[in-house]
Amino acid sequence: MKHISTELLSALQDFSCTGKPNADLIDKAEAELGVNFAEDYKGITAQFGAISFRGHTLSGISPFPGNDVVALTKEHRAYISGVPCSFYVIEEAHIDGIVIWQDFDGRIYQTQPDSKPVLIFDCLYDYILRLKQ
């Protein structure tokens, strides 16, 4: 798994974050969703909460439901079928119902209404680099 450095994230255009959450909140989110977060996602979430850059918002631990991983995952699980219960939402694209998910191994998937998840990146690092362009 490729390391996502603090320097890479904080250098992103228009970078902002919700702030470092209490470590217990990450464990609580995993338990509430019945998942284990990938290490790269857990690292970003532990450091920054949820992050935004270049018009993208990656979910995390946040007081705002629109970028809170628990709220987003529960919302999208309710109406997108065929998504494994081990996946969690990392981003809503706000285009054509596209939702971006991650699994425990760090792979990144995309869904659209009435479609099964499609693997789009092998890791969160590659996904962030693509969004950075």
C-alpha atoms as a PDB file:
ATOM      1  CA  MET A   1       0.000   0.000   0.000  1.00  0.00           C
ATOM      2  CA  LYS A   2       1.346   3.428  -0.938  1.00  0.00           C
ATOM      3  CA  HIS A   3       1.831   5.917   1.881  1.00  0.00           C
ATOM      4  CA  ILE A   4      -0.266   9.084   1.769  1.00  0.00           C
ATOM      5  CA  SER A   5       1.822  11.768   3.423  1.00  0.00           C
ATOM      6  CA  THR A   6       0.562  14.774   5.328  1.00  0.00           C
ATOM      7  CA  GLU A   7       2.618  16.906   2.951  1.00  0.00           C
ATOM      8  CA  LEU A   8       0.826  15.487  -0.110  1.00  0.00           C
ATOM      9  CA  LEU A   9      -2.597  16.166   1.361  1.00  0.00           C
ATOM     10  CA  SER A  10      -1.952  19.608   2.798  1.00  0.00           C
ATOM     11  CA  ALA A  11      -0.390  20.693  -0.528  1.00  0.00           C
ATOM     12  CA  LEU A  12      -3.588  19.905  -2.458  1.00  0.00           C
ATOM     13  CA  GLN A  13      -5.341  22.888  -4.020  1.00  0.00           C
ATOM     14  CA  ASP A  14      -8.011  24.348  -1.711  1.00  0.00           C
ATOM     15  CA  PHE A  15      -7.246  21.766   0.988  1.00  0.00           C
ATOM     16  CA  SER A  16      -9.354  21.873   4.137  1.00  0.00           C
ATOM     17  CA  CYS A  17     -10.267  19.370   6.828  1.00  0.00           C
ATOM     18  CA  THR A  18     -12.703  18.926   9.695  1.00  0.00           C
ATOM     19  CA  GLY A  19      -9.916  18.328  12.222  1.00  0.00           C
ATOM     20  CA  LYS A  20      -8.299  15.457  14.038  1.00  0.00           C
ATOM     21  CA  PRO A  21     -10.959  13.287  15.697  1.00  0.00           C
ATOM     22  CA  ASN A  22     -10.645  11.393  18.947  1.00  0.00           C
ATOM     23  CA  ALA A  23      -9.226   7.925  18.159  1.00  0.00           C
ATOM     24  CA  ASP A  24     -12.236   6.292  19.797  1.00  0.00           C
ATOM     25  CA  LEU A  25     -14.500   7.833  17.164  1.00  0.00           C
ATOM     26  CA  ILE A  26     -12.763   5.902  14.389  1.00  0.00           C
ATOM     27  CA  ASP A  27     -13.249   2.623  16.254  1.00  0.00           C
ATOM     28  CA  LYS A  28     -16.868   3.559  16.928  1.00  0.00           C
ATOM     29  CA  ALA A  29     -17.472   4.324  13.222  1.00  0.00           C
ATOM     30  CA  GLU A  30     -16.020   0.949  12.194  1.00  0.00           C
ATOM     31  CA  ALA A  31     -18.194  -0.825  14.750  1.00  0.00           C
ATOM     32  CA  GLU A  32     -21.336   1.071  13.741  1.00  0.00           C
ATOM     33  CA  LEU A  33     -20.810   0.161  10.083  1.00  0.00           C
ATOM     34  CA  GLY A  34     -19.555  -3.363  10.770  1.00  0.00           C
ATOM     35  CA  VAL A  35     -16.388  -2.762   8.734  1.00  0.00           C
ATOM     36  CA  ASN A  36     -12.660  -2.426   9.123  1.00  0.00           C
ATOM     37  CA  PHE A  37     -11.266   0.646   7.408  1.00  0.00           C
ATOM     38  CA  ALA A  38      -8.240   0.254   5.143  1.00  0.00           C
ATOM     39  CA  GLU A  39      -5.019   1.453   6.762  1.00  0.00           C
ATOM     40  CA  ASP A  40      -4.559   4.371   4.343  1.00  0.00           C
ATOM     41  CA  TYR A  41      -8.098   5.610   4.967  1.00  0.00           C
ATOM     42  CA  LYS A  42      -7.742   5.159   8.714  1.00  0.00           C
ATOM     43  CA  GLY A  43      -4.504   7.166   8.649  1.00  0.00           C
ATOM     44  CA  ILE A  44      -6.059  10.096   6.779  1.00  0.00           C
ATOM     45  CA  THR A  45      -9.147  10.025   8.971  1.00  0.00           C
ATOM     46  CA  ALA A  46      -7.084   9.917  12.184  1.00  0.00           C
ATOM     47  CA  GLN A  47      -5.029  12.911  11.074  1.00  0.00           C
ATOM     48  CA  PHE A  48      -7.624  15.106   9.376  1.00  0.00           C
ATOM     49  CA  GLY A  49     -11.168  13.844  10.014  1.00  0.00           C
ATOM     50  CA  ALA A  50     -12.735  14.446   6.582  1.00  0.00           C
ATOM     51  CA  ILE A  51     -10.914  16.355   3.837  1.00  0.00           C
ATOM     52  CA  SER A  52     -11.859  18.578   0.920  1.00  0.00           C
ATOM     53  CA  PHE A  53      -9.796  19.737  -2.042  1.00  0.00           C
ATOM     54  CA  ARG A  54     -10.366  20.817  -5.643  1.00  0.00           C
ATOM     55  CA  GLY A  55     -14.134  20.413  -5.329  1.00  0.00           C
ATOM     56  CA  HIS A  56     -13.908  16.900  -3.864  1.00  0.00           C
ATOM     57  CA  THR A  57     -14.814  15.838  -0.349  1.00  0.00           C
ATOM     58  CA  LEU A  58     -13.477  12.575   1.053  1.00  0.00           C
ATOM     59  CA  SER A  59     -15.543  11.245   3.910  1.00  0.00           C
ATOM     60  CA  GLY A  60     -14.200  10.709   7.388  1.00  0.00           C
ATOM     61  CA  ILE A  61     -15.128  11.409  10.958  1.00  0.00           C
ATOM     62  CA  SER A  62     -17.066  14.640  10.762  1.00  0.00           C
ATOM     63  CA  PRO A  63     -19.837  16.512  12.544  1.00  0.00           C
ATOM     64  CA  PHE A  64     -21.300  17.250   9.093  1.00  0.00           C
ATOM     65  CA  PRO A  65     -23.498  14.405   7.722  1.00  0.00           C
ATOM     66  CA  GLY A  66     -22.529  15.245   4.135  1.00  0.00           C
ATOM     67  CA  ASN A  67     -18.949  14.142   4.745  1.00  0.00           C
ATOM     68  CA  ASP A  68     -19.306  11.722   7.636  1.00  0.00           C
ATOM     69  CA  VAL A  69     -18.423   8.155   6.631  1.00  0.00           C
ATOM     70  CA  VAL A  70     -21.081   6.579   8.850  1.00  0.00           C
ATOM     71  CA  ALA A  71     -23.937   8.785   7.628  1.00  0.00           C
ATOM     72  CA  LEU A  72     -22.931   8.501   3.968  1.00  0.00           C
ATOM     73  CA  THR A  73     -22.409   4.751   4.050  1.00  0.00           C
ATOM     74  CA  LYS A  74     -25.728   4.097   5.761  1.00  0.00           C
ATOM     75  CA  GLU A  75     -27.522   6.371   3.314  1.00  0.00           C
ATOM     76  CA  HIS A  76     -26.073   4.729   0.214  1.00  0.00           C
ATOM     77  CA  ARG A  77     -26.352   1.167   1.496  1.00  0.00           C
ATOM     78  CA  ALA A  78     -30.087   1.786   1.791  1.00  0.00           C
ATOM     79  CA  TYR A  79     -30.612   2.379  -1.905  1.00  0.00           C
ATOM     80  CA  ILE A  80     -27.646   0.929  -3.812  1.00  0.00           C
ATOM     81  CA  SER A  81     -27.932  -2.839  -4.066  1.00  0.00           C
ATOM     82  CA  GLY A  82     -25.056  -5.163  -4.804  1.00  0.00           C
ATOM     83  CA  VAL A  83     -22.502  -3.337  -2.658  1.00  0.00           C
ATOM     84  CA  PRO A  84     -20.755  -5.660  -0.192  1.00  0.00           C
ATOM     85  CA  CYS A  85     -21.400  -4.758   3.439  1.00  0.00           C
ATOM     86  CA  SER A  86     -17.621  -4.518   3.937  1.00  0.00           C
ATOM     87  CA  PHE A  87     -17.473  -1.396   1.702  1.00  0.00           C
ATOM     88  CA  TYR A  88     -17.777   2.160   3.026  1.00  0.00           C
ATOM     89  CA  VAL A  89     -18.324   5.428   1.161  1.00  0.00           C
ATOM     90  CA  ILE A  90     -15.311   7.658   0.651  1.00  0.00           C
ATOM     91  CA  GLU A  91     -16.911  10.158  -1.726  1.00  0.00           C
ATOM     92  CA  GLU A  92     -20.185  11.188  -3.314  1.00  0.00           C
ATOM     93  CA  ALA A  93     -19.422  12.508  -6.782  1.00  0.00           C
ATOM     94  CA  HIS A  94     -22.715  14.456  -7.020  1.00  0.00           C
ATOM     95  CA  ILE A  95     -22.794  13.516 -10.716  1.00  0.00           C
ATOM     96  CA  ASP A  96     -25.203  10.902 -12.120  1.00  0.00           C
ATOM     97  CA  GLY A  97     -25.550   9.184  -8.733  1.00  0.00           C
ATOM     98  CA  ILE A  98     -21.879   8.124  -8.703  1.00  0.00           C
ATOM     99  CA  VAL A  99     -20.581   6.975  -5.326  1.00  0.00           C
ATOM    100  CA  ILE A 100     -16.973   6.014  -4.561  1.00  0.00           C
ATOM    101  CA  TRP A 101     -16.344   3.203  -2.070  1.00  0.00           C
ATOM    102  CA  GLN A 102     -13.341   1.542  -0.459  1.00  0.00           C
ATOM    103  CA  ASP A 103     -12.849  -1.976   0.879  1.00  0.00           C
ATOM    104  CA  PHE A 104     -10.638  -3.169   3.748  1.00  0.00           C
ATOM    105  CA  ASP A 105      -7.786  -4.004   1.360  1.00  0.00           C
ATOM    106  CA  GLY A 106      -7.776  -0.391   0.166  1.00  0.00           C
ATOM    107  CA  ARG A 107      -9.226  -0.915  -3.308  1.00  0.00           C
ATOM    108  CA  ILE A 108     -11.457   1.843  -4.659  1.00  0.00           C
ATOM    109  CA  TYR A 109     -14.775   1.120  -6.390  1.00  0.00           C
ATOM    110  CA  GLN A 110     -17.399   3.178  -8.164  1.00  0.00           C
ATOM    111  CA  THR A 111     -21.140   2.595  -8.273  1.00  0.00           C
ATOM    112  CA  GLN A 112     -23.949   4.210 -10.178  1.00  0.00           C
ATOM    113  CA  PRO A 113     -27.658   3.575  -9.680  1.00  0.00           C
ATOM    114  CA  ASP A 114     -28.618   0.048 -10.739  1.00  0.00           C
ATOM    115  CA  SER A 115     -25.026  -1.080 -11.261  1.00  0.00           C
ATOM    116  CA  LYS A 116     -22.609  -3.314  -9.407  1.00  0.00           C
ATOM    117  CA  PRO A 117     -19.359  -1.893  -7.990  1.00  0.00           C
ATOM    118  CA  VAL A 118     -16.571  -1.429 -10.531  1.00  0.00           C
ATOM    119  CA  LEU A 119     -12.933  -1.421  -9.424  1.00  0.00           C
ATOM    120  CA  ILE A 120     -11.392   1.904 -10.463  1.00  0.00           C
ATOM    121  CA  PHE A 121      -8.132   2.124  -8.433  1.00  0.00           C
ATOM    122  CA  ASP A 122      -5.994  -0.269  -6.435  1.00  0.00           C
ATOM    123  CA  CYS A 123      -5.452   2.193  -3.592  1.00  0.00           C
ATOM    124  CA  LEU A 124      -6.537   5.522  -2.141  1.00  0.00           C
ATOM    125  CA  TYR A 125      -3.173   7.108  -2.964  1.00  0.00           C
ATOM    126  CA  ASP A 126      -3.735   6.580  -6.699  1.00  0.00           C
ATOM    127  CA  TYR A 127      -7.309   7.878  -6.423  1.00  0.00           C
ATOM    128  CA  ILE A 128      -6.173  11.074  -4.687  1.00  0.00           C
ATOM    129  CA  LEU A 129      -3.401  11.614  -7.243  1.00  0.00           C
ATOM    130  CA  ARG A 130      -5.963  11.303 -10.035  1.00  0.00           C
ATOM    131  CA  LEU A 131      -8.247  13.845  -8.357  1.00  0.00           C
ATOM    132  CA  LYS A 132      -5.278  16.158  -7.874  1.00  0.00           C
ATOM    133  CA  GLN A 133      -4.761  16.521 -11.640  1.00  0.00           C
END
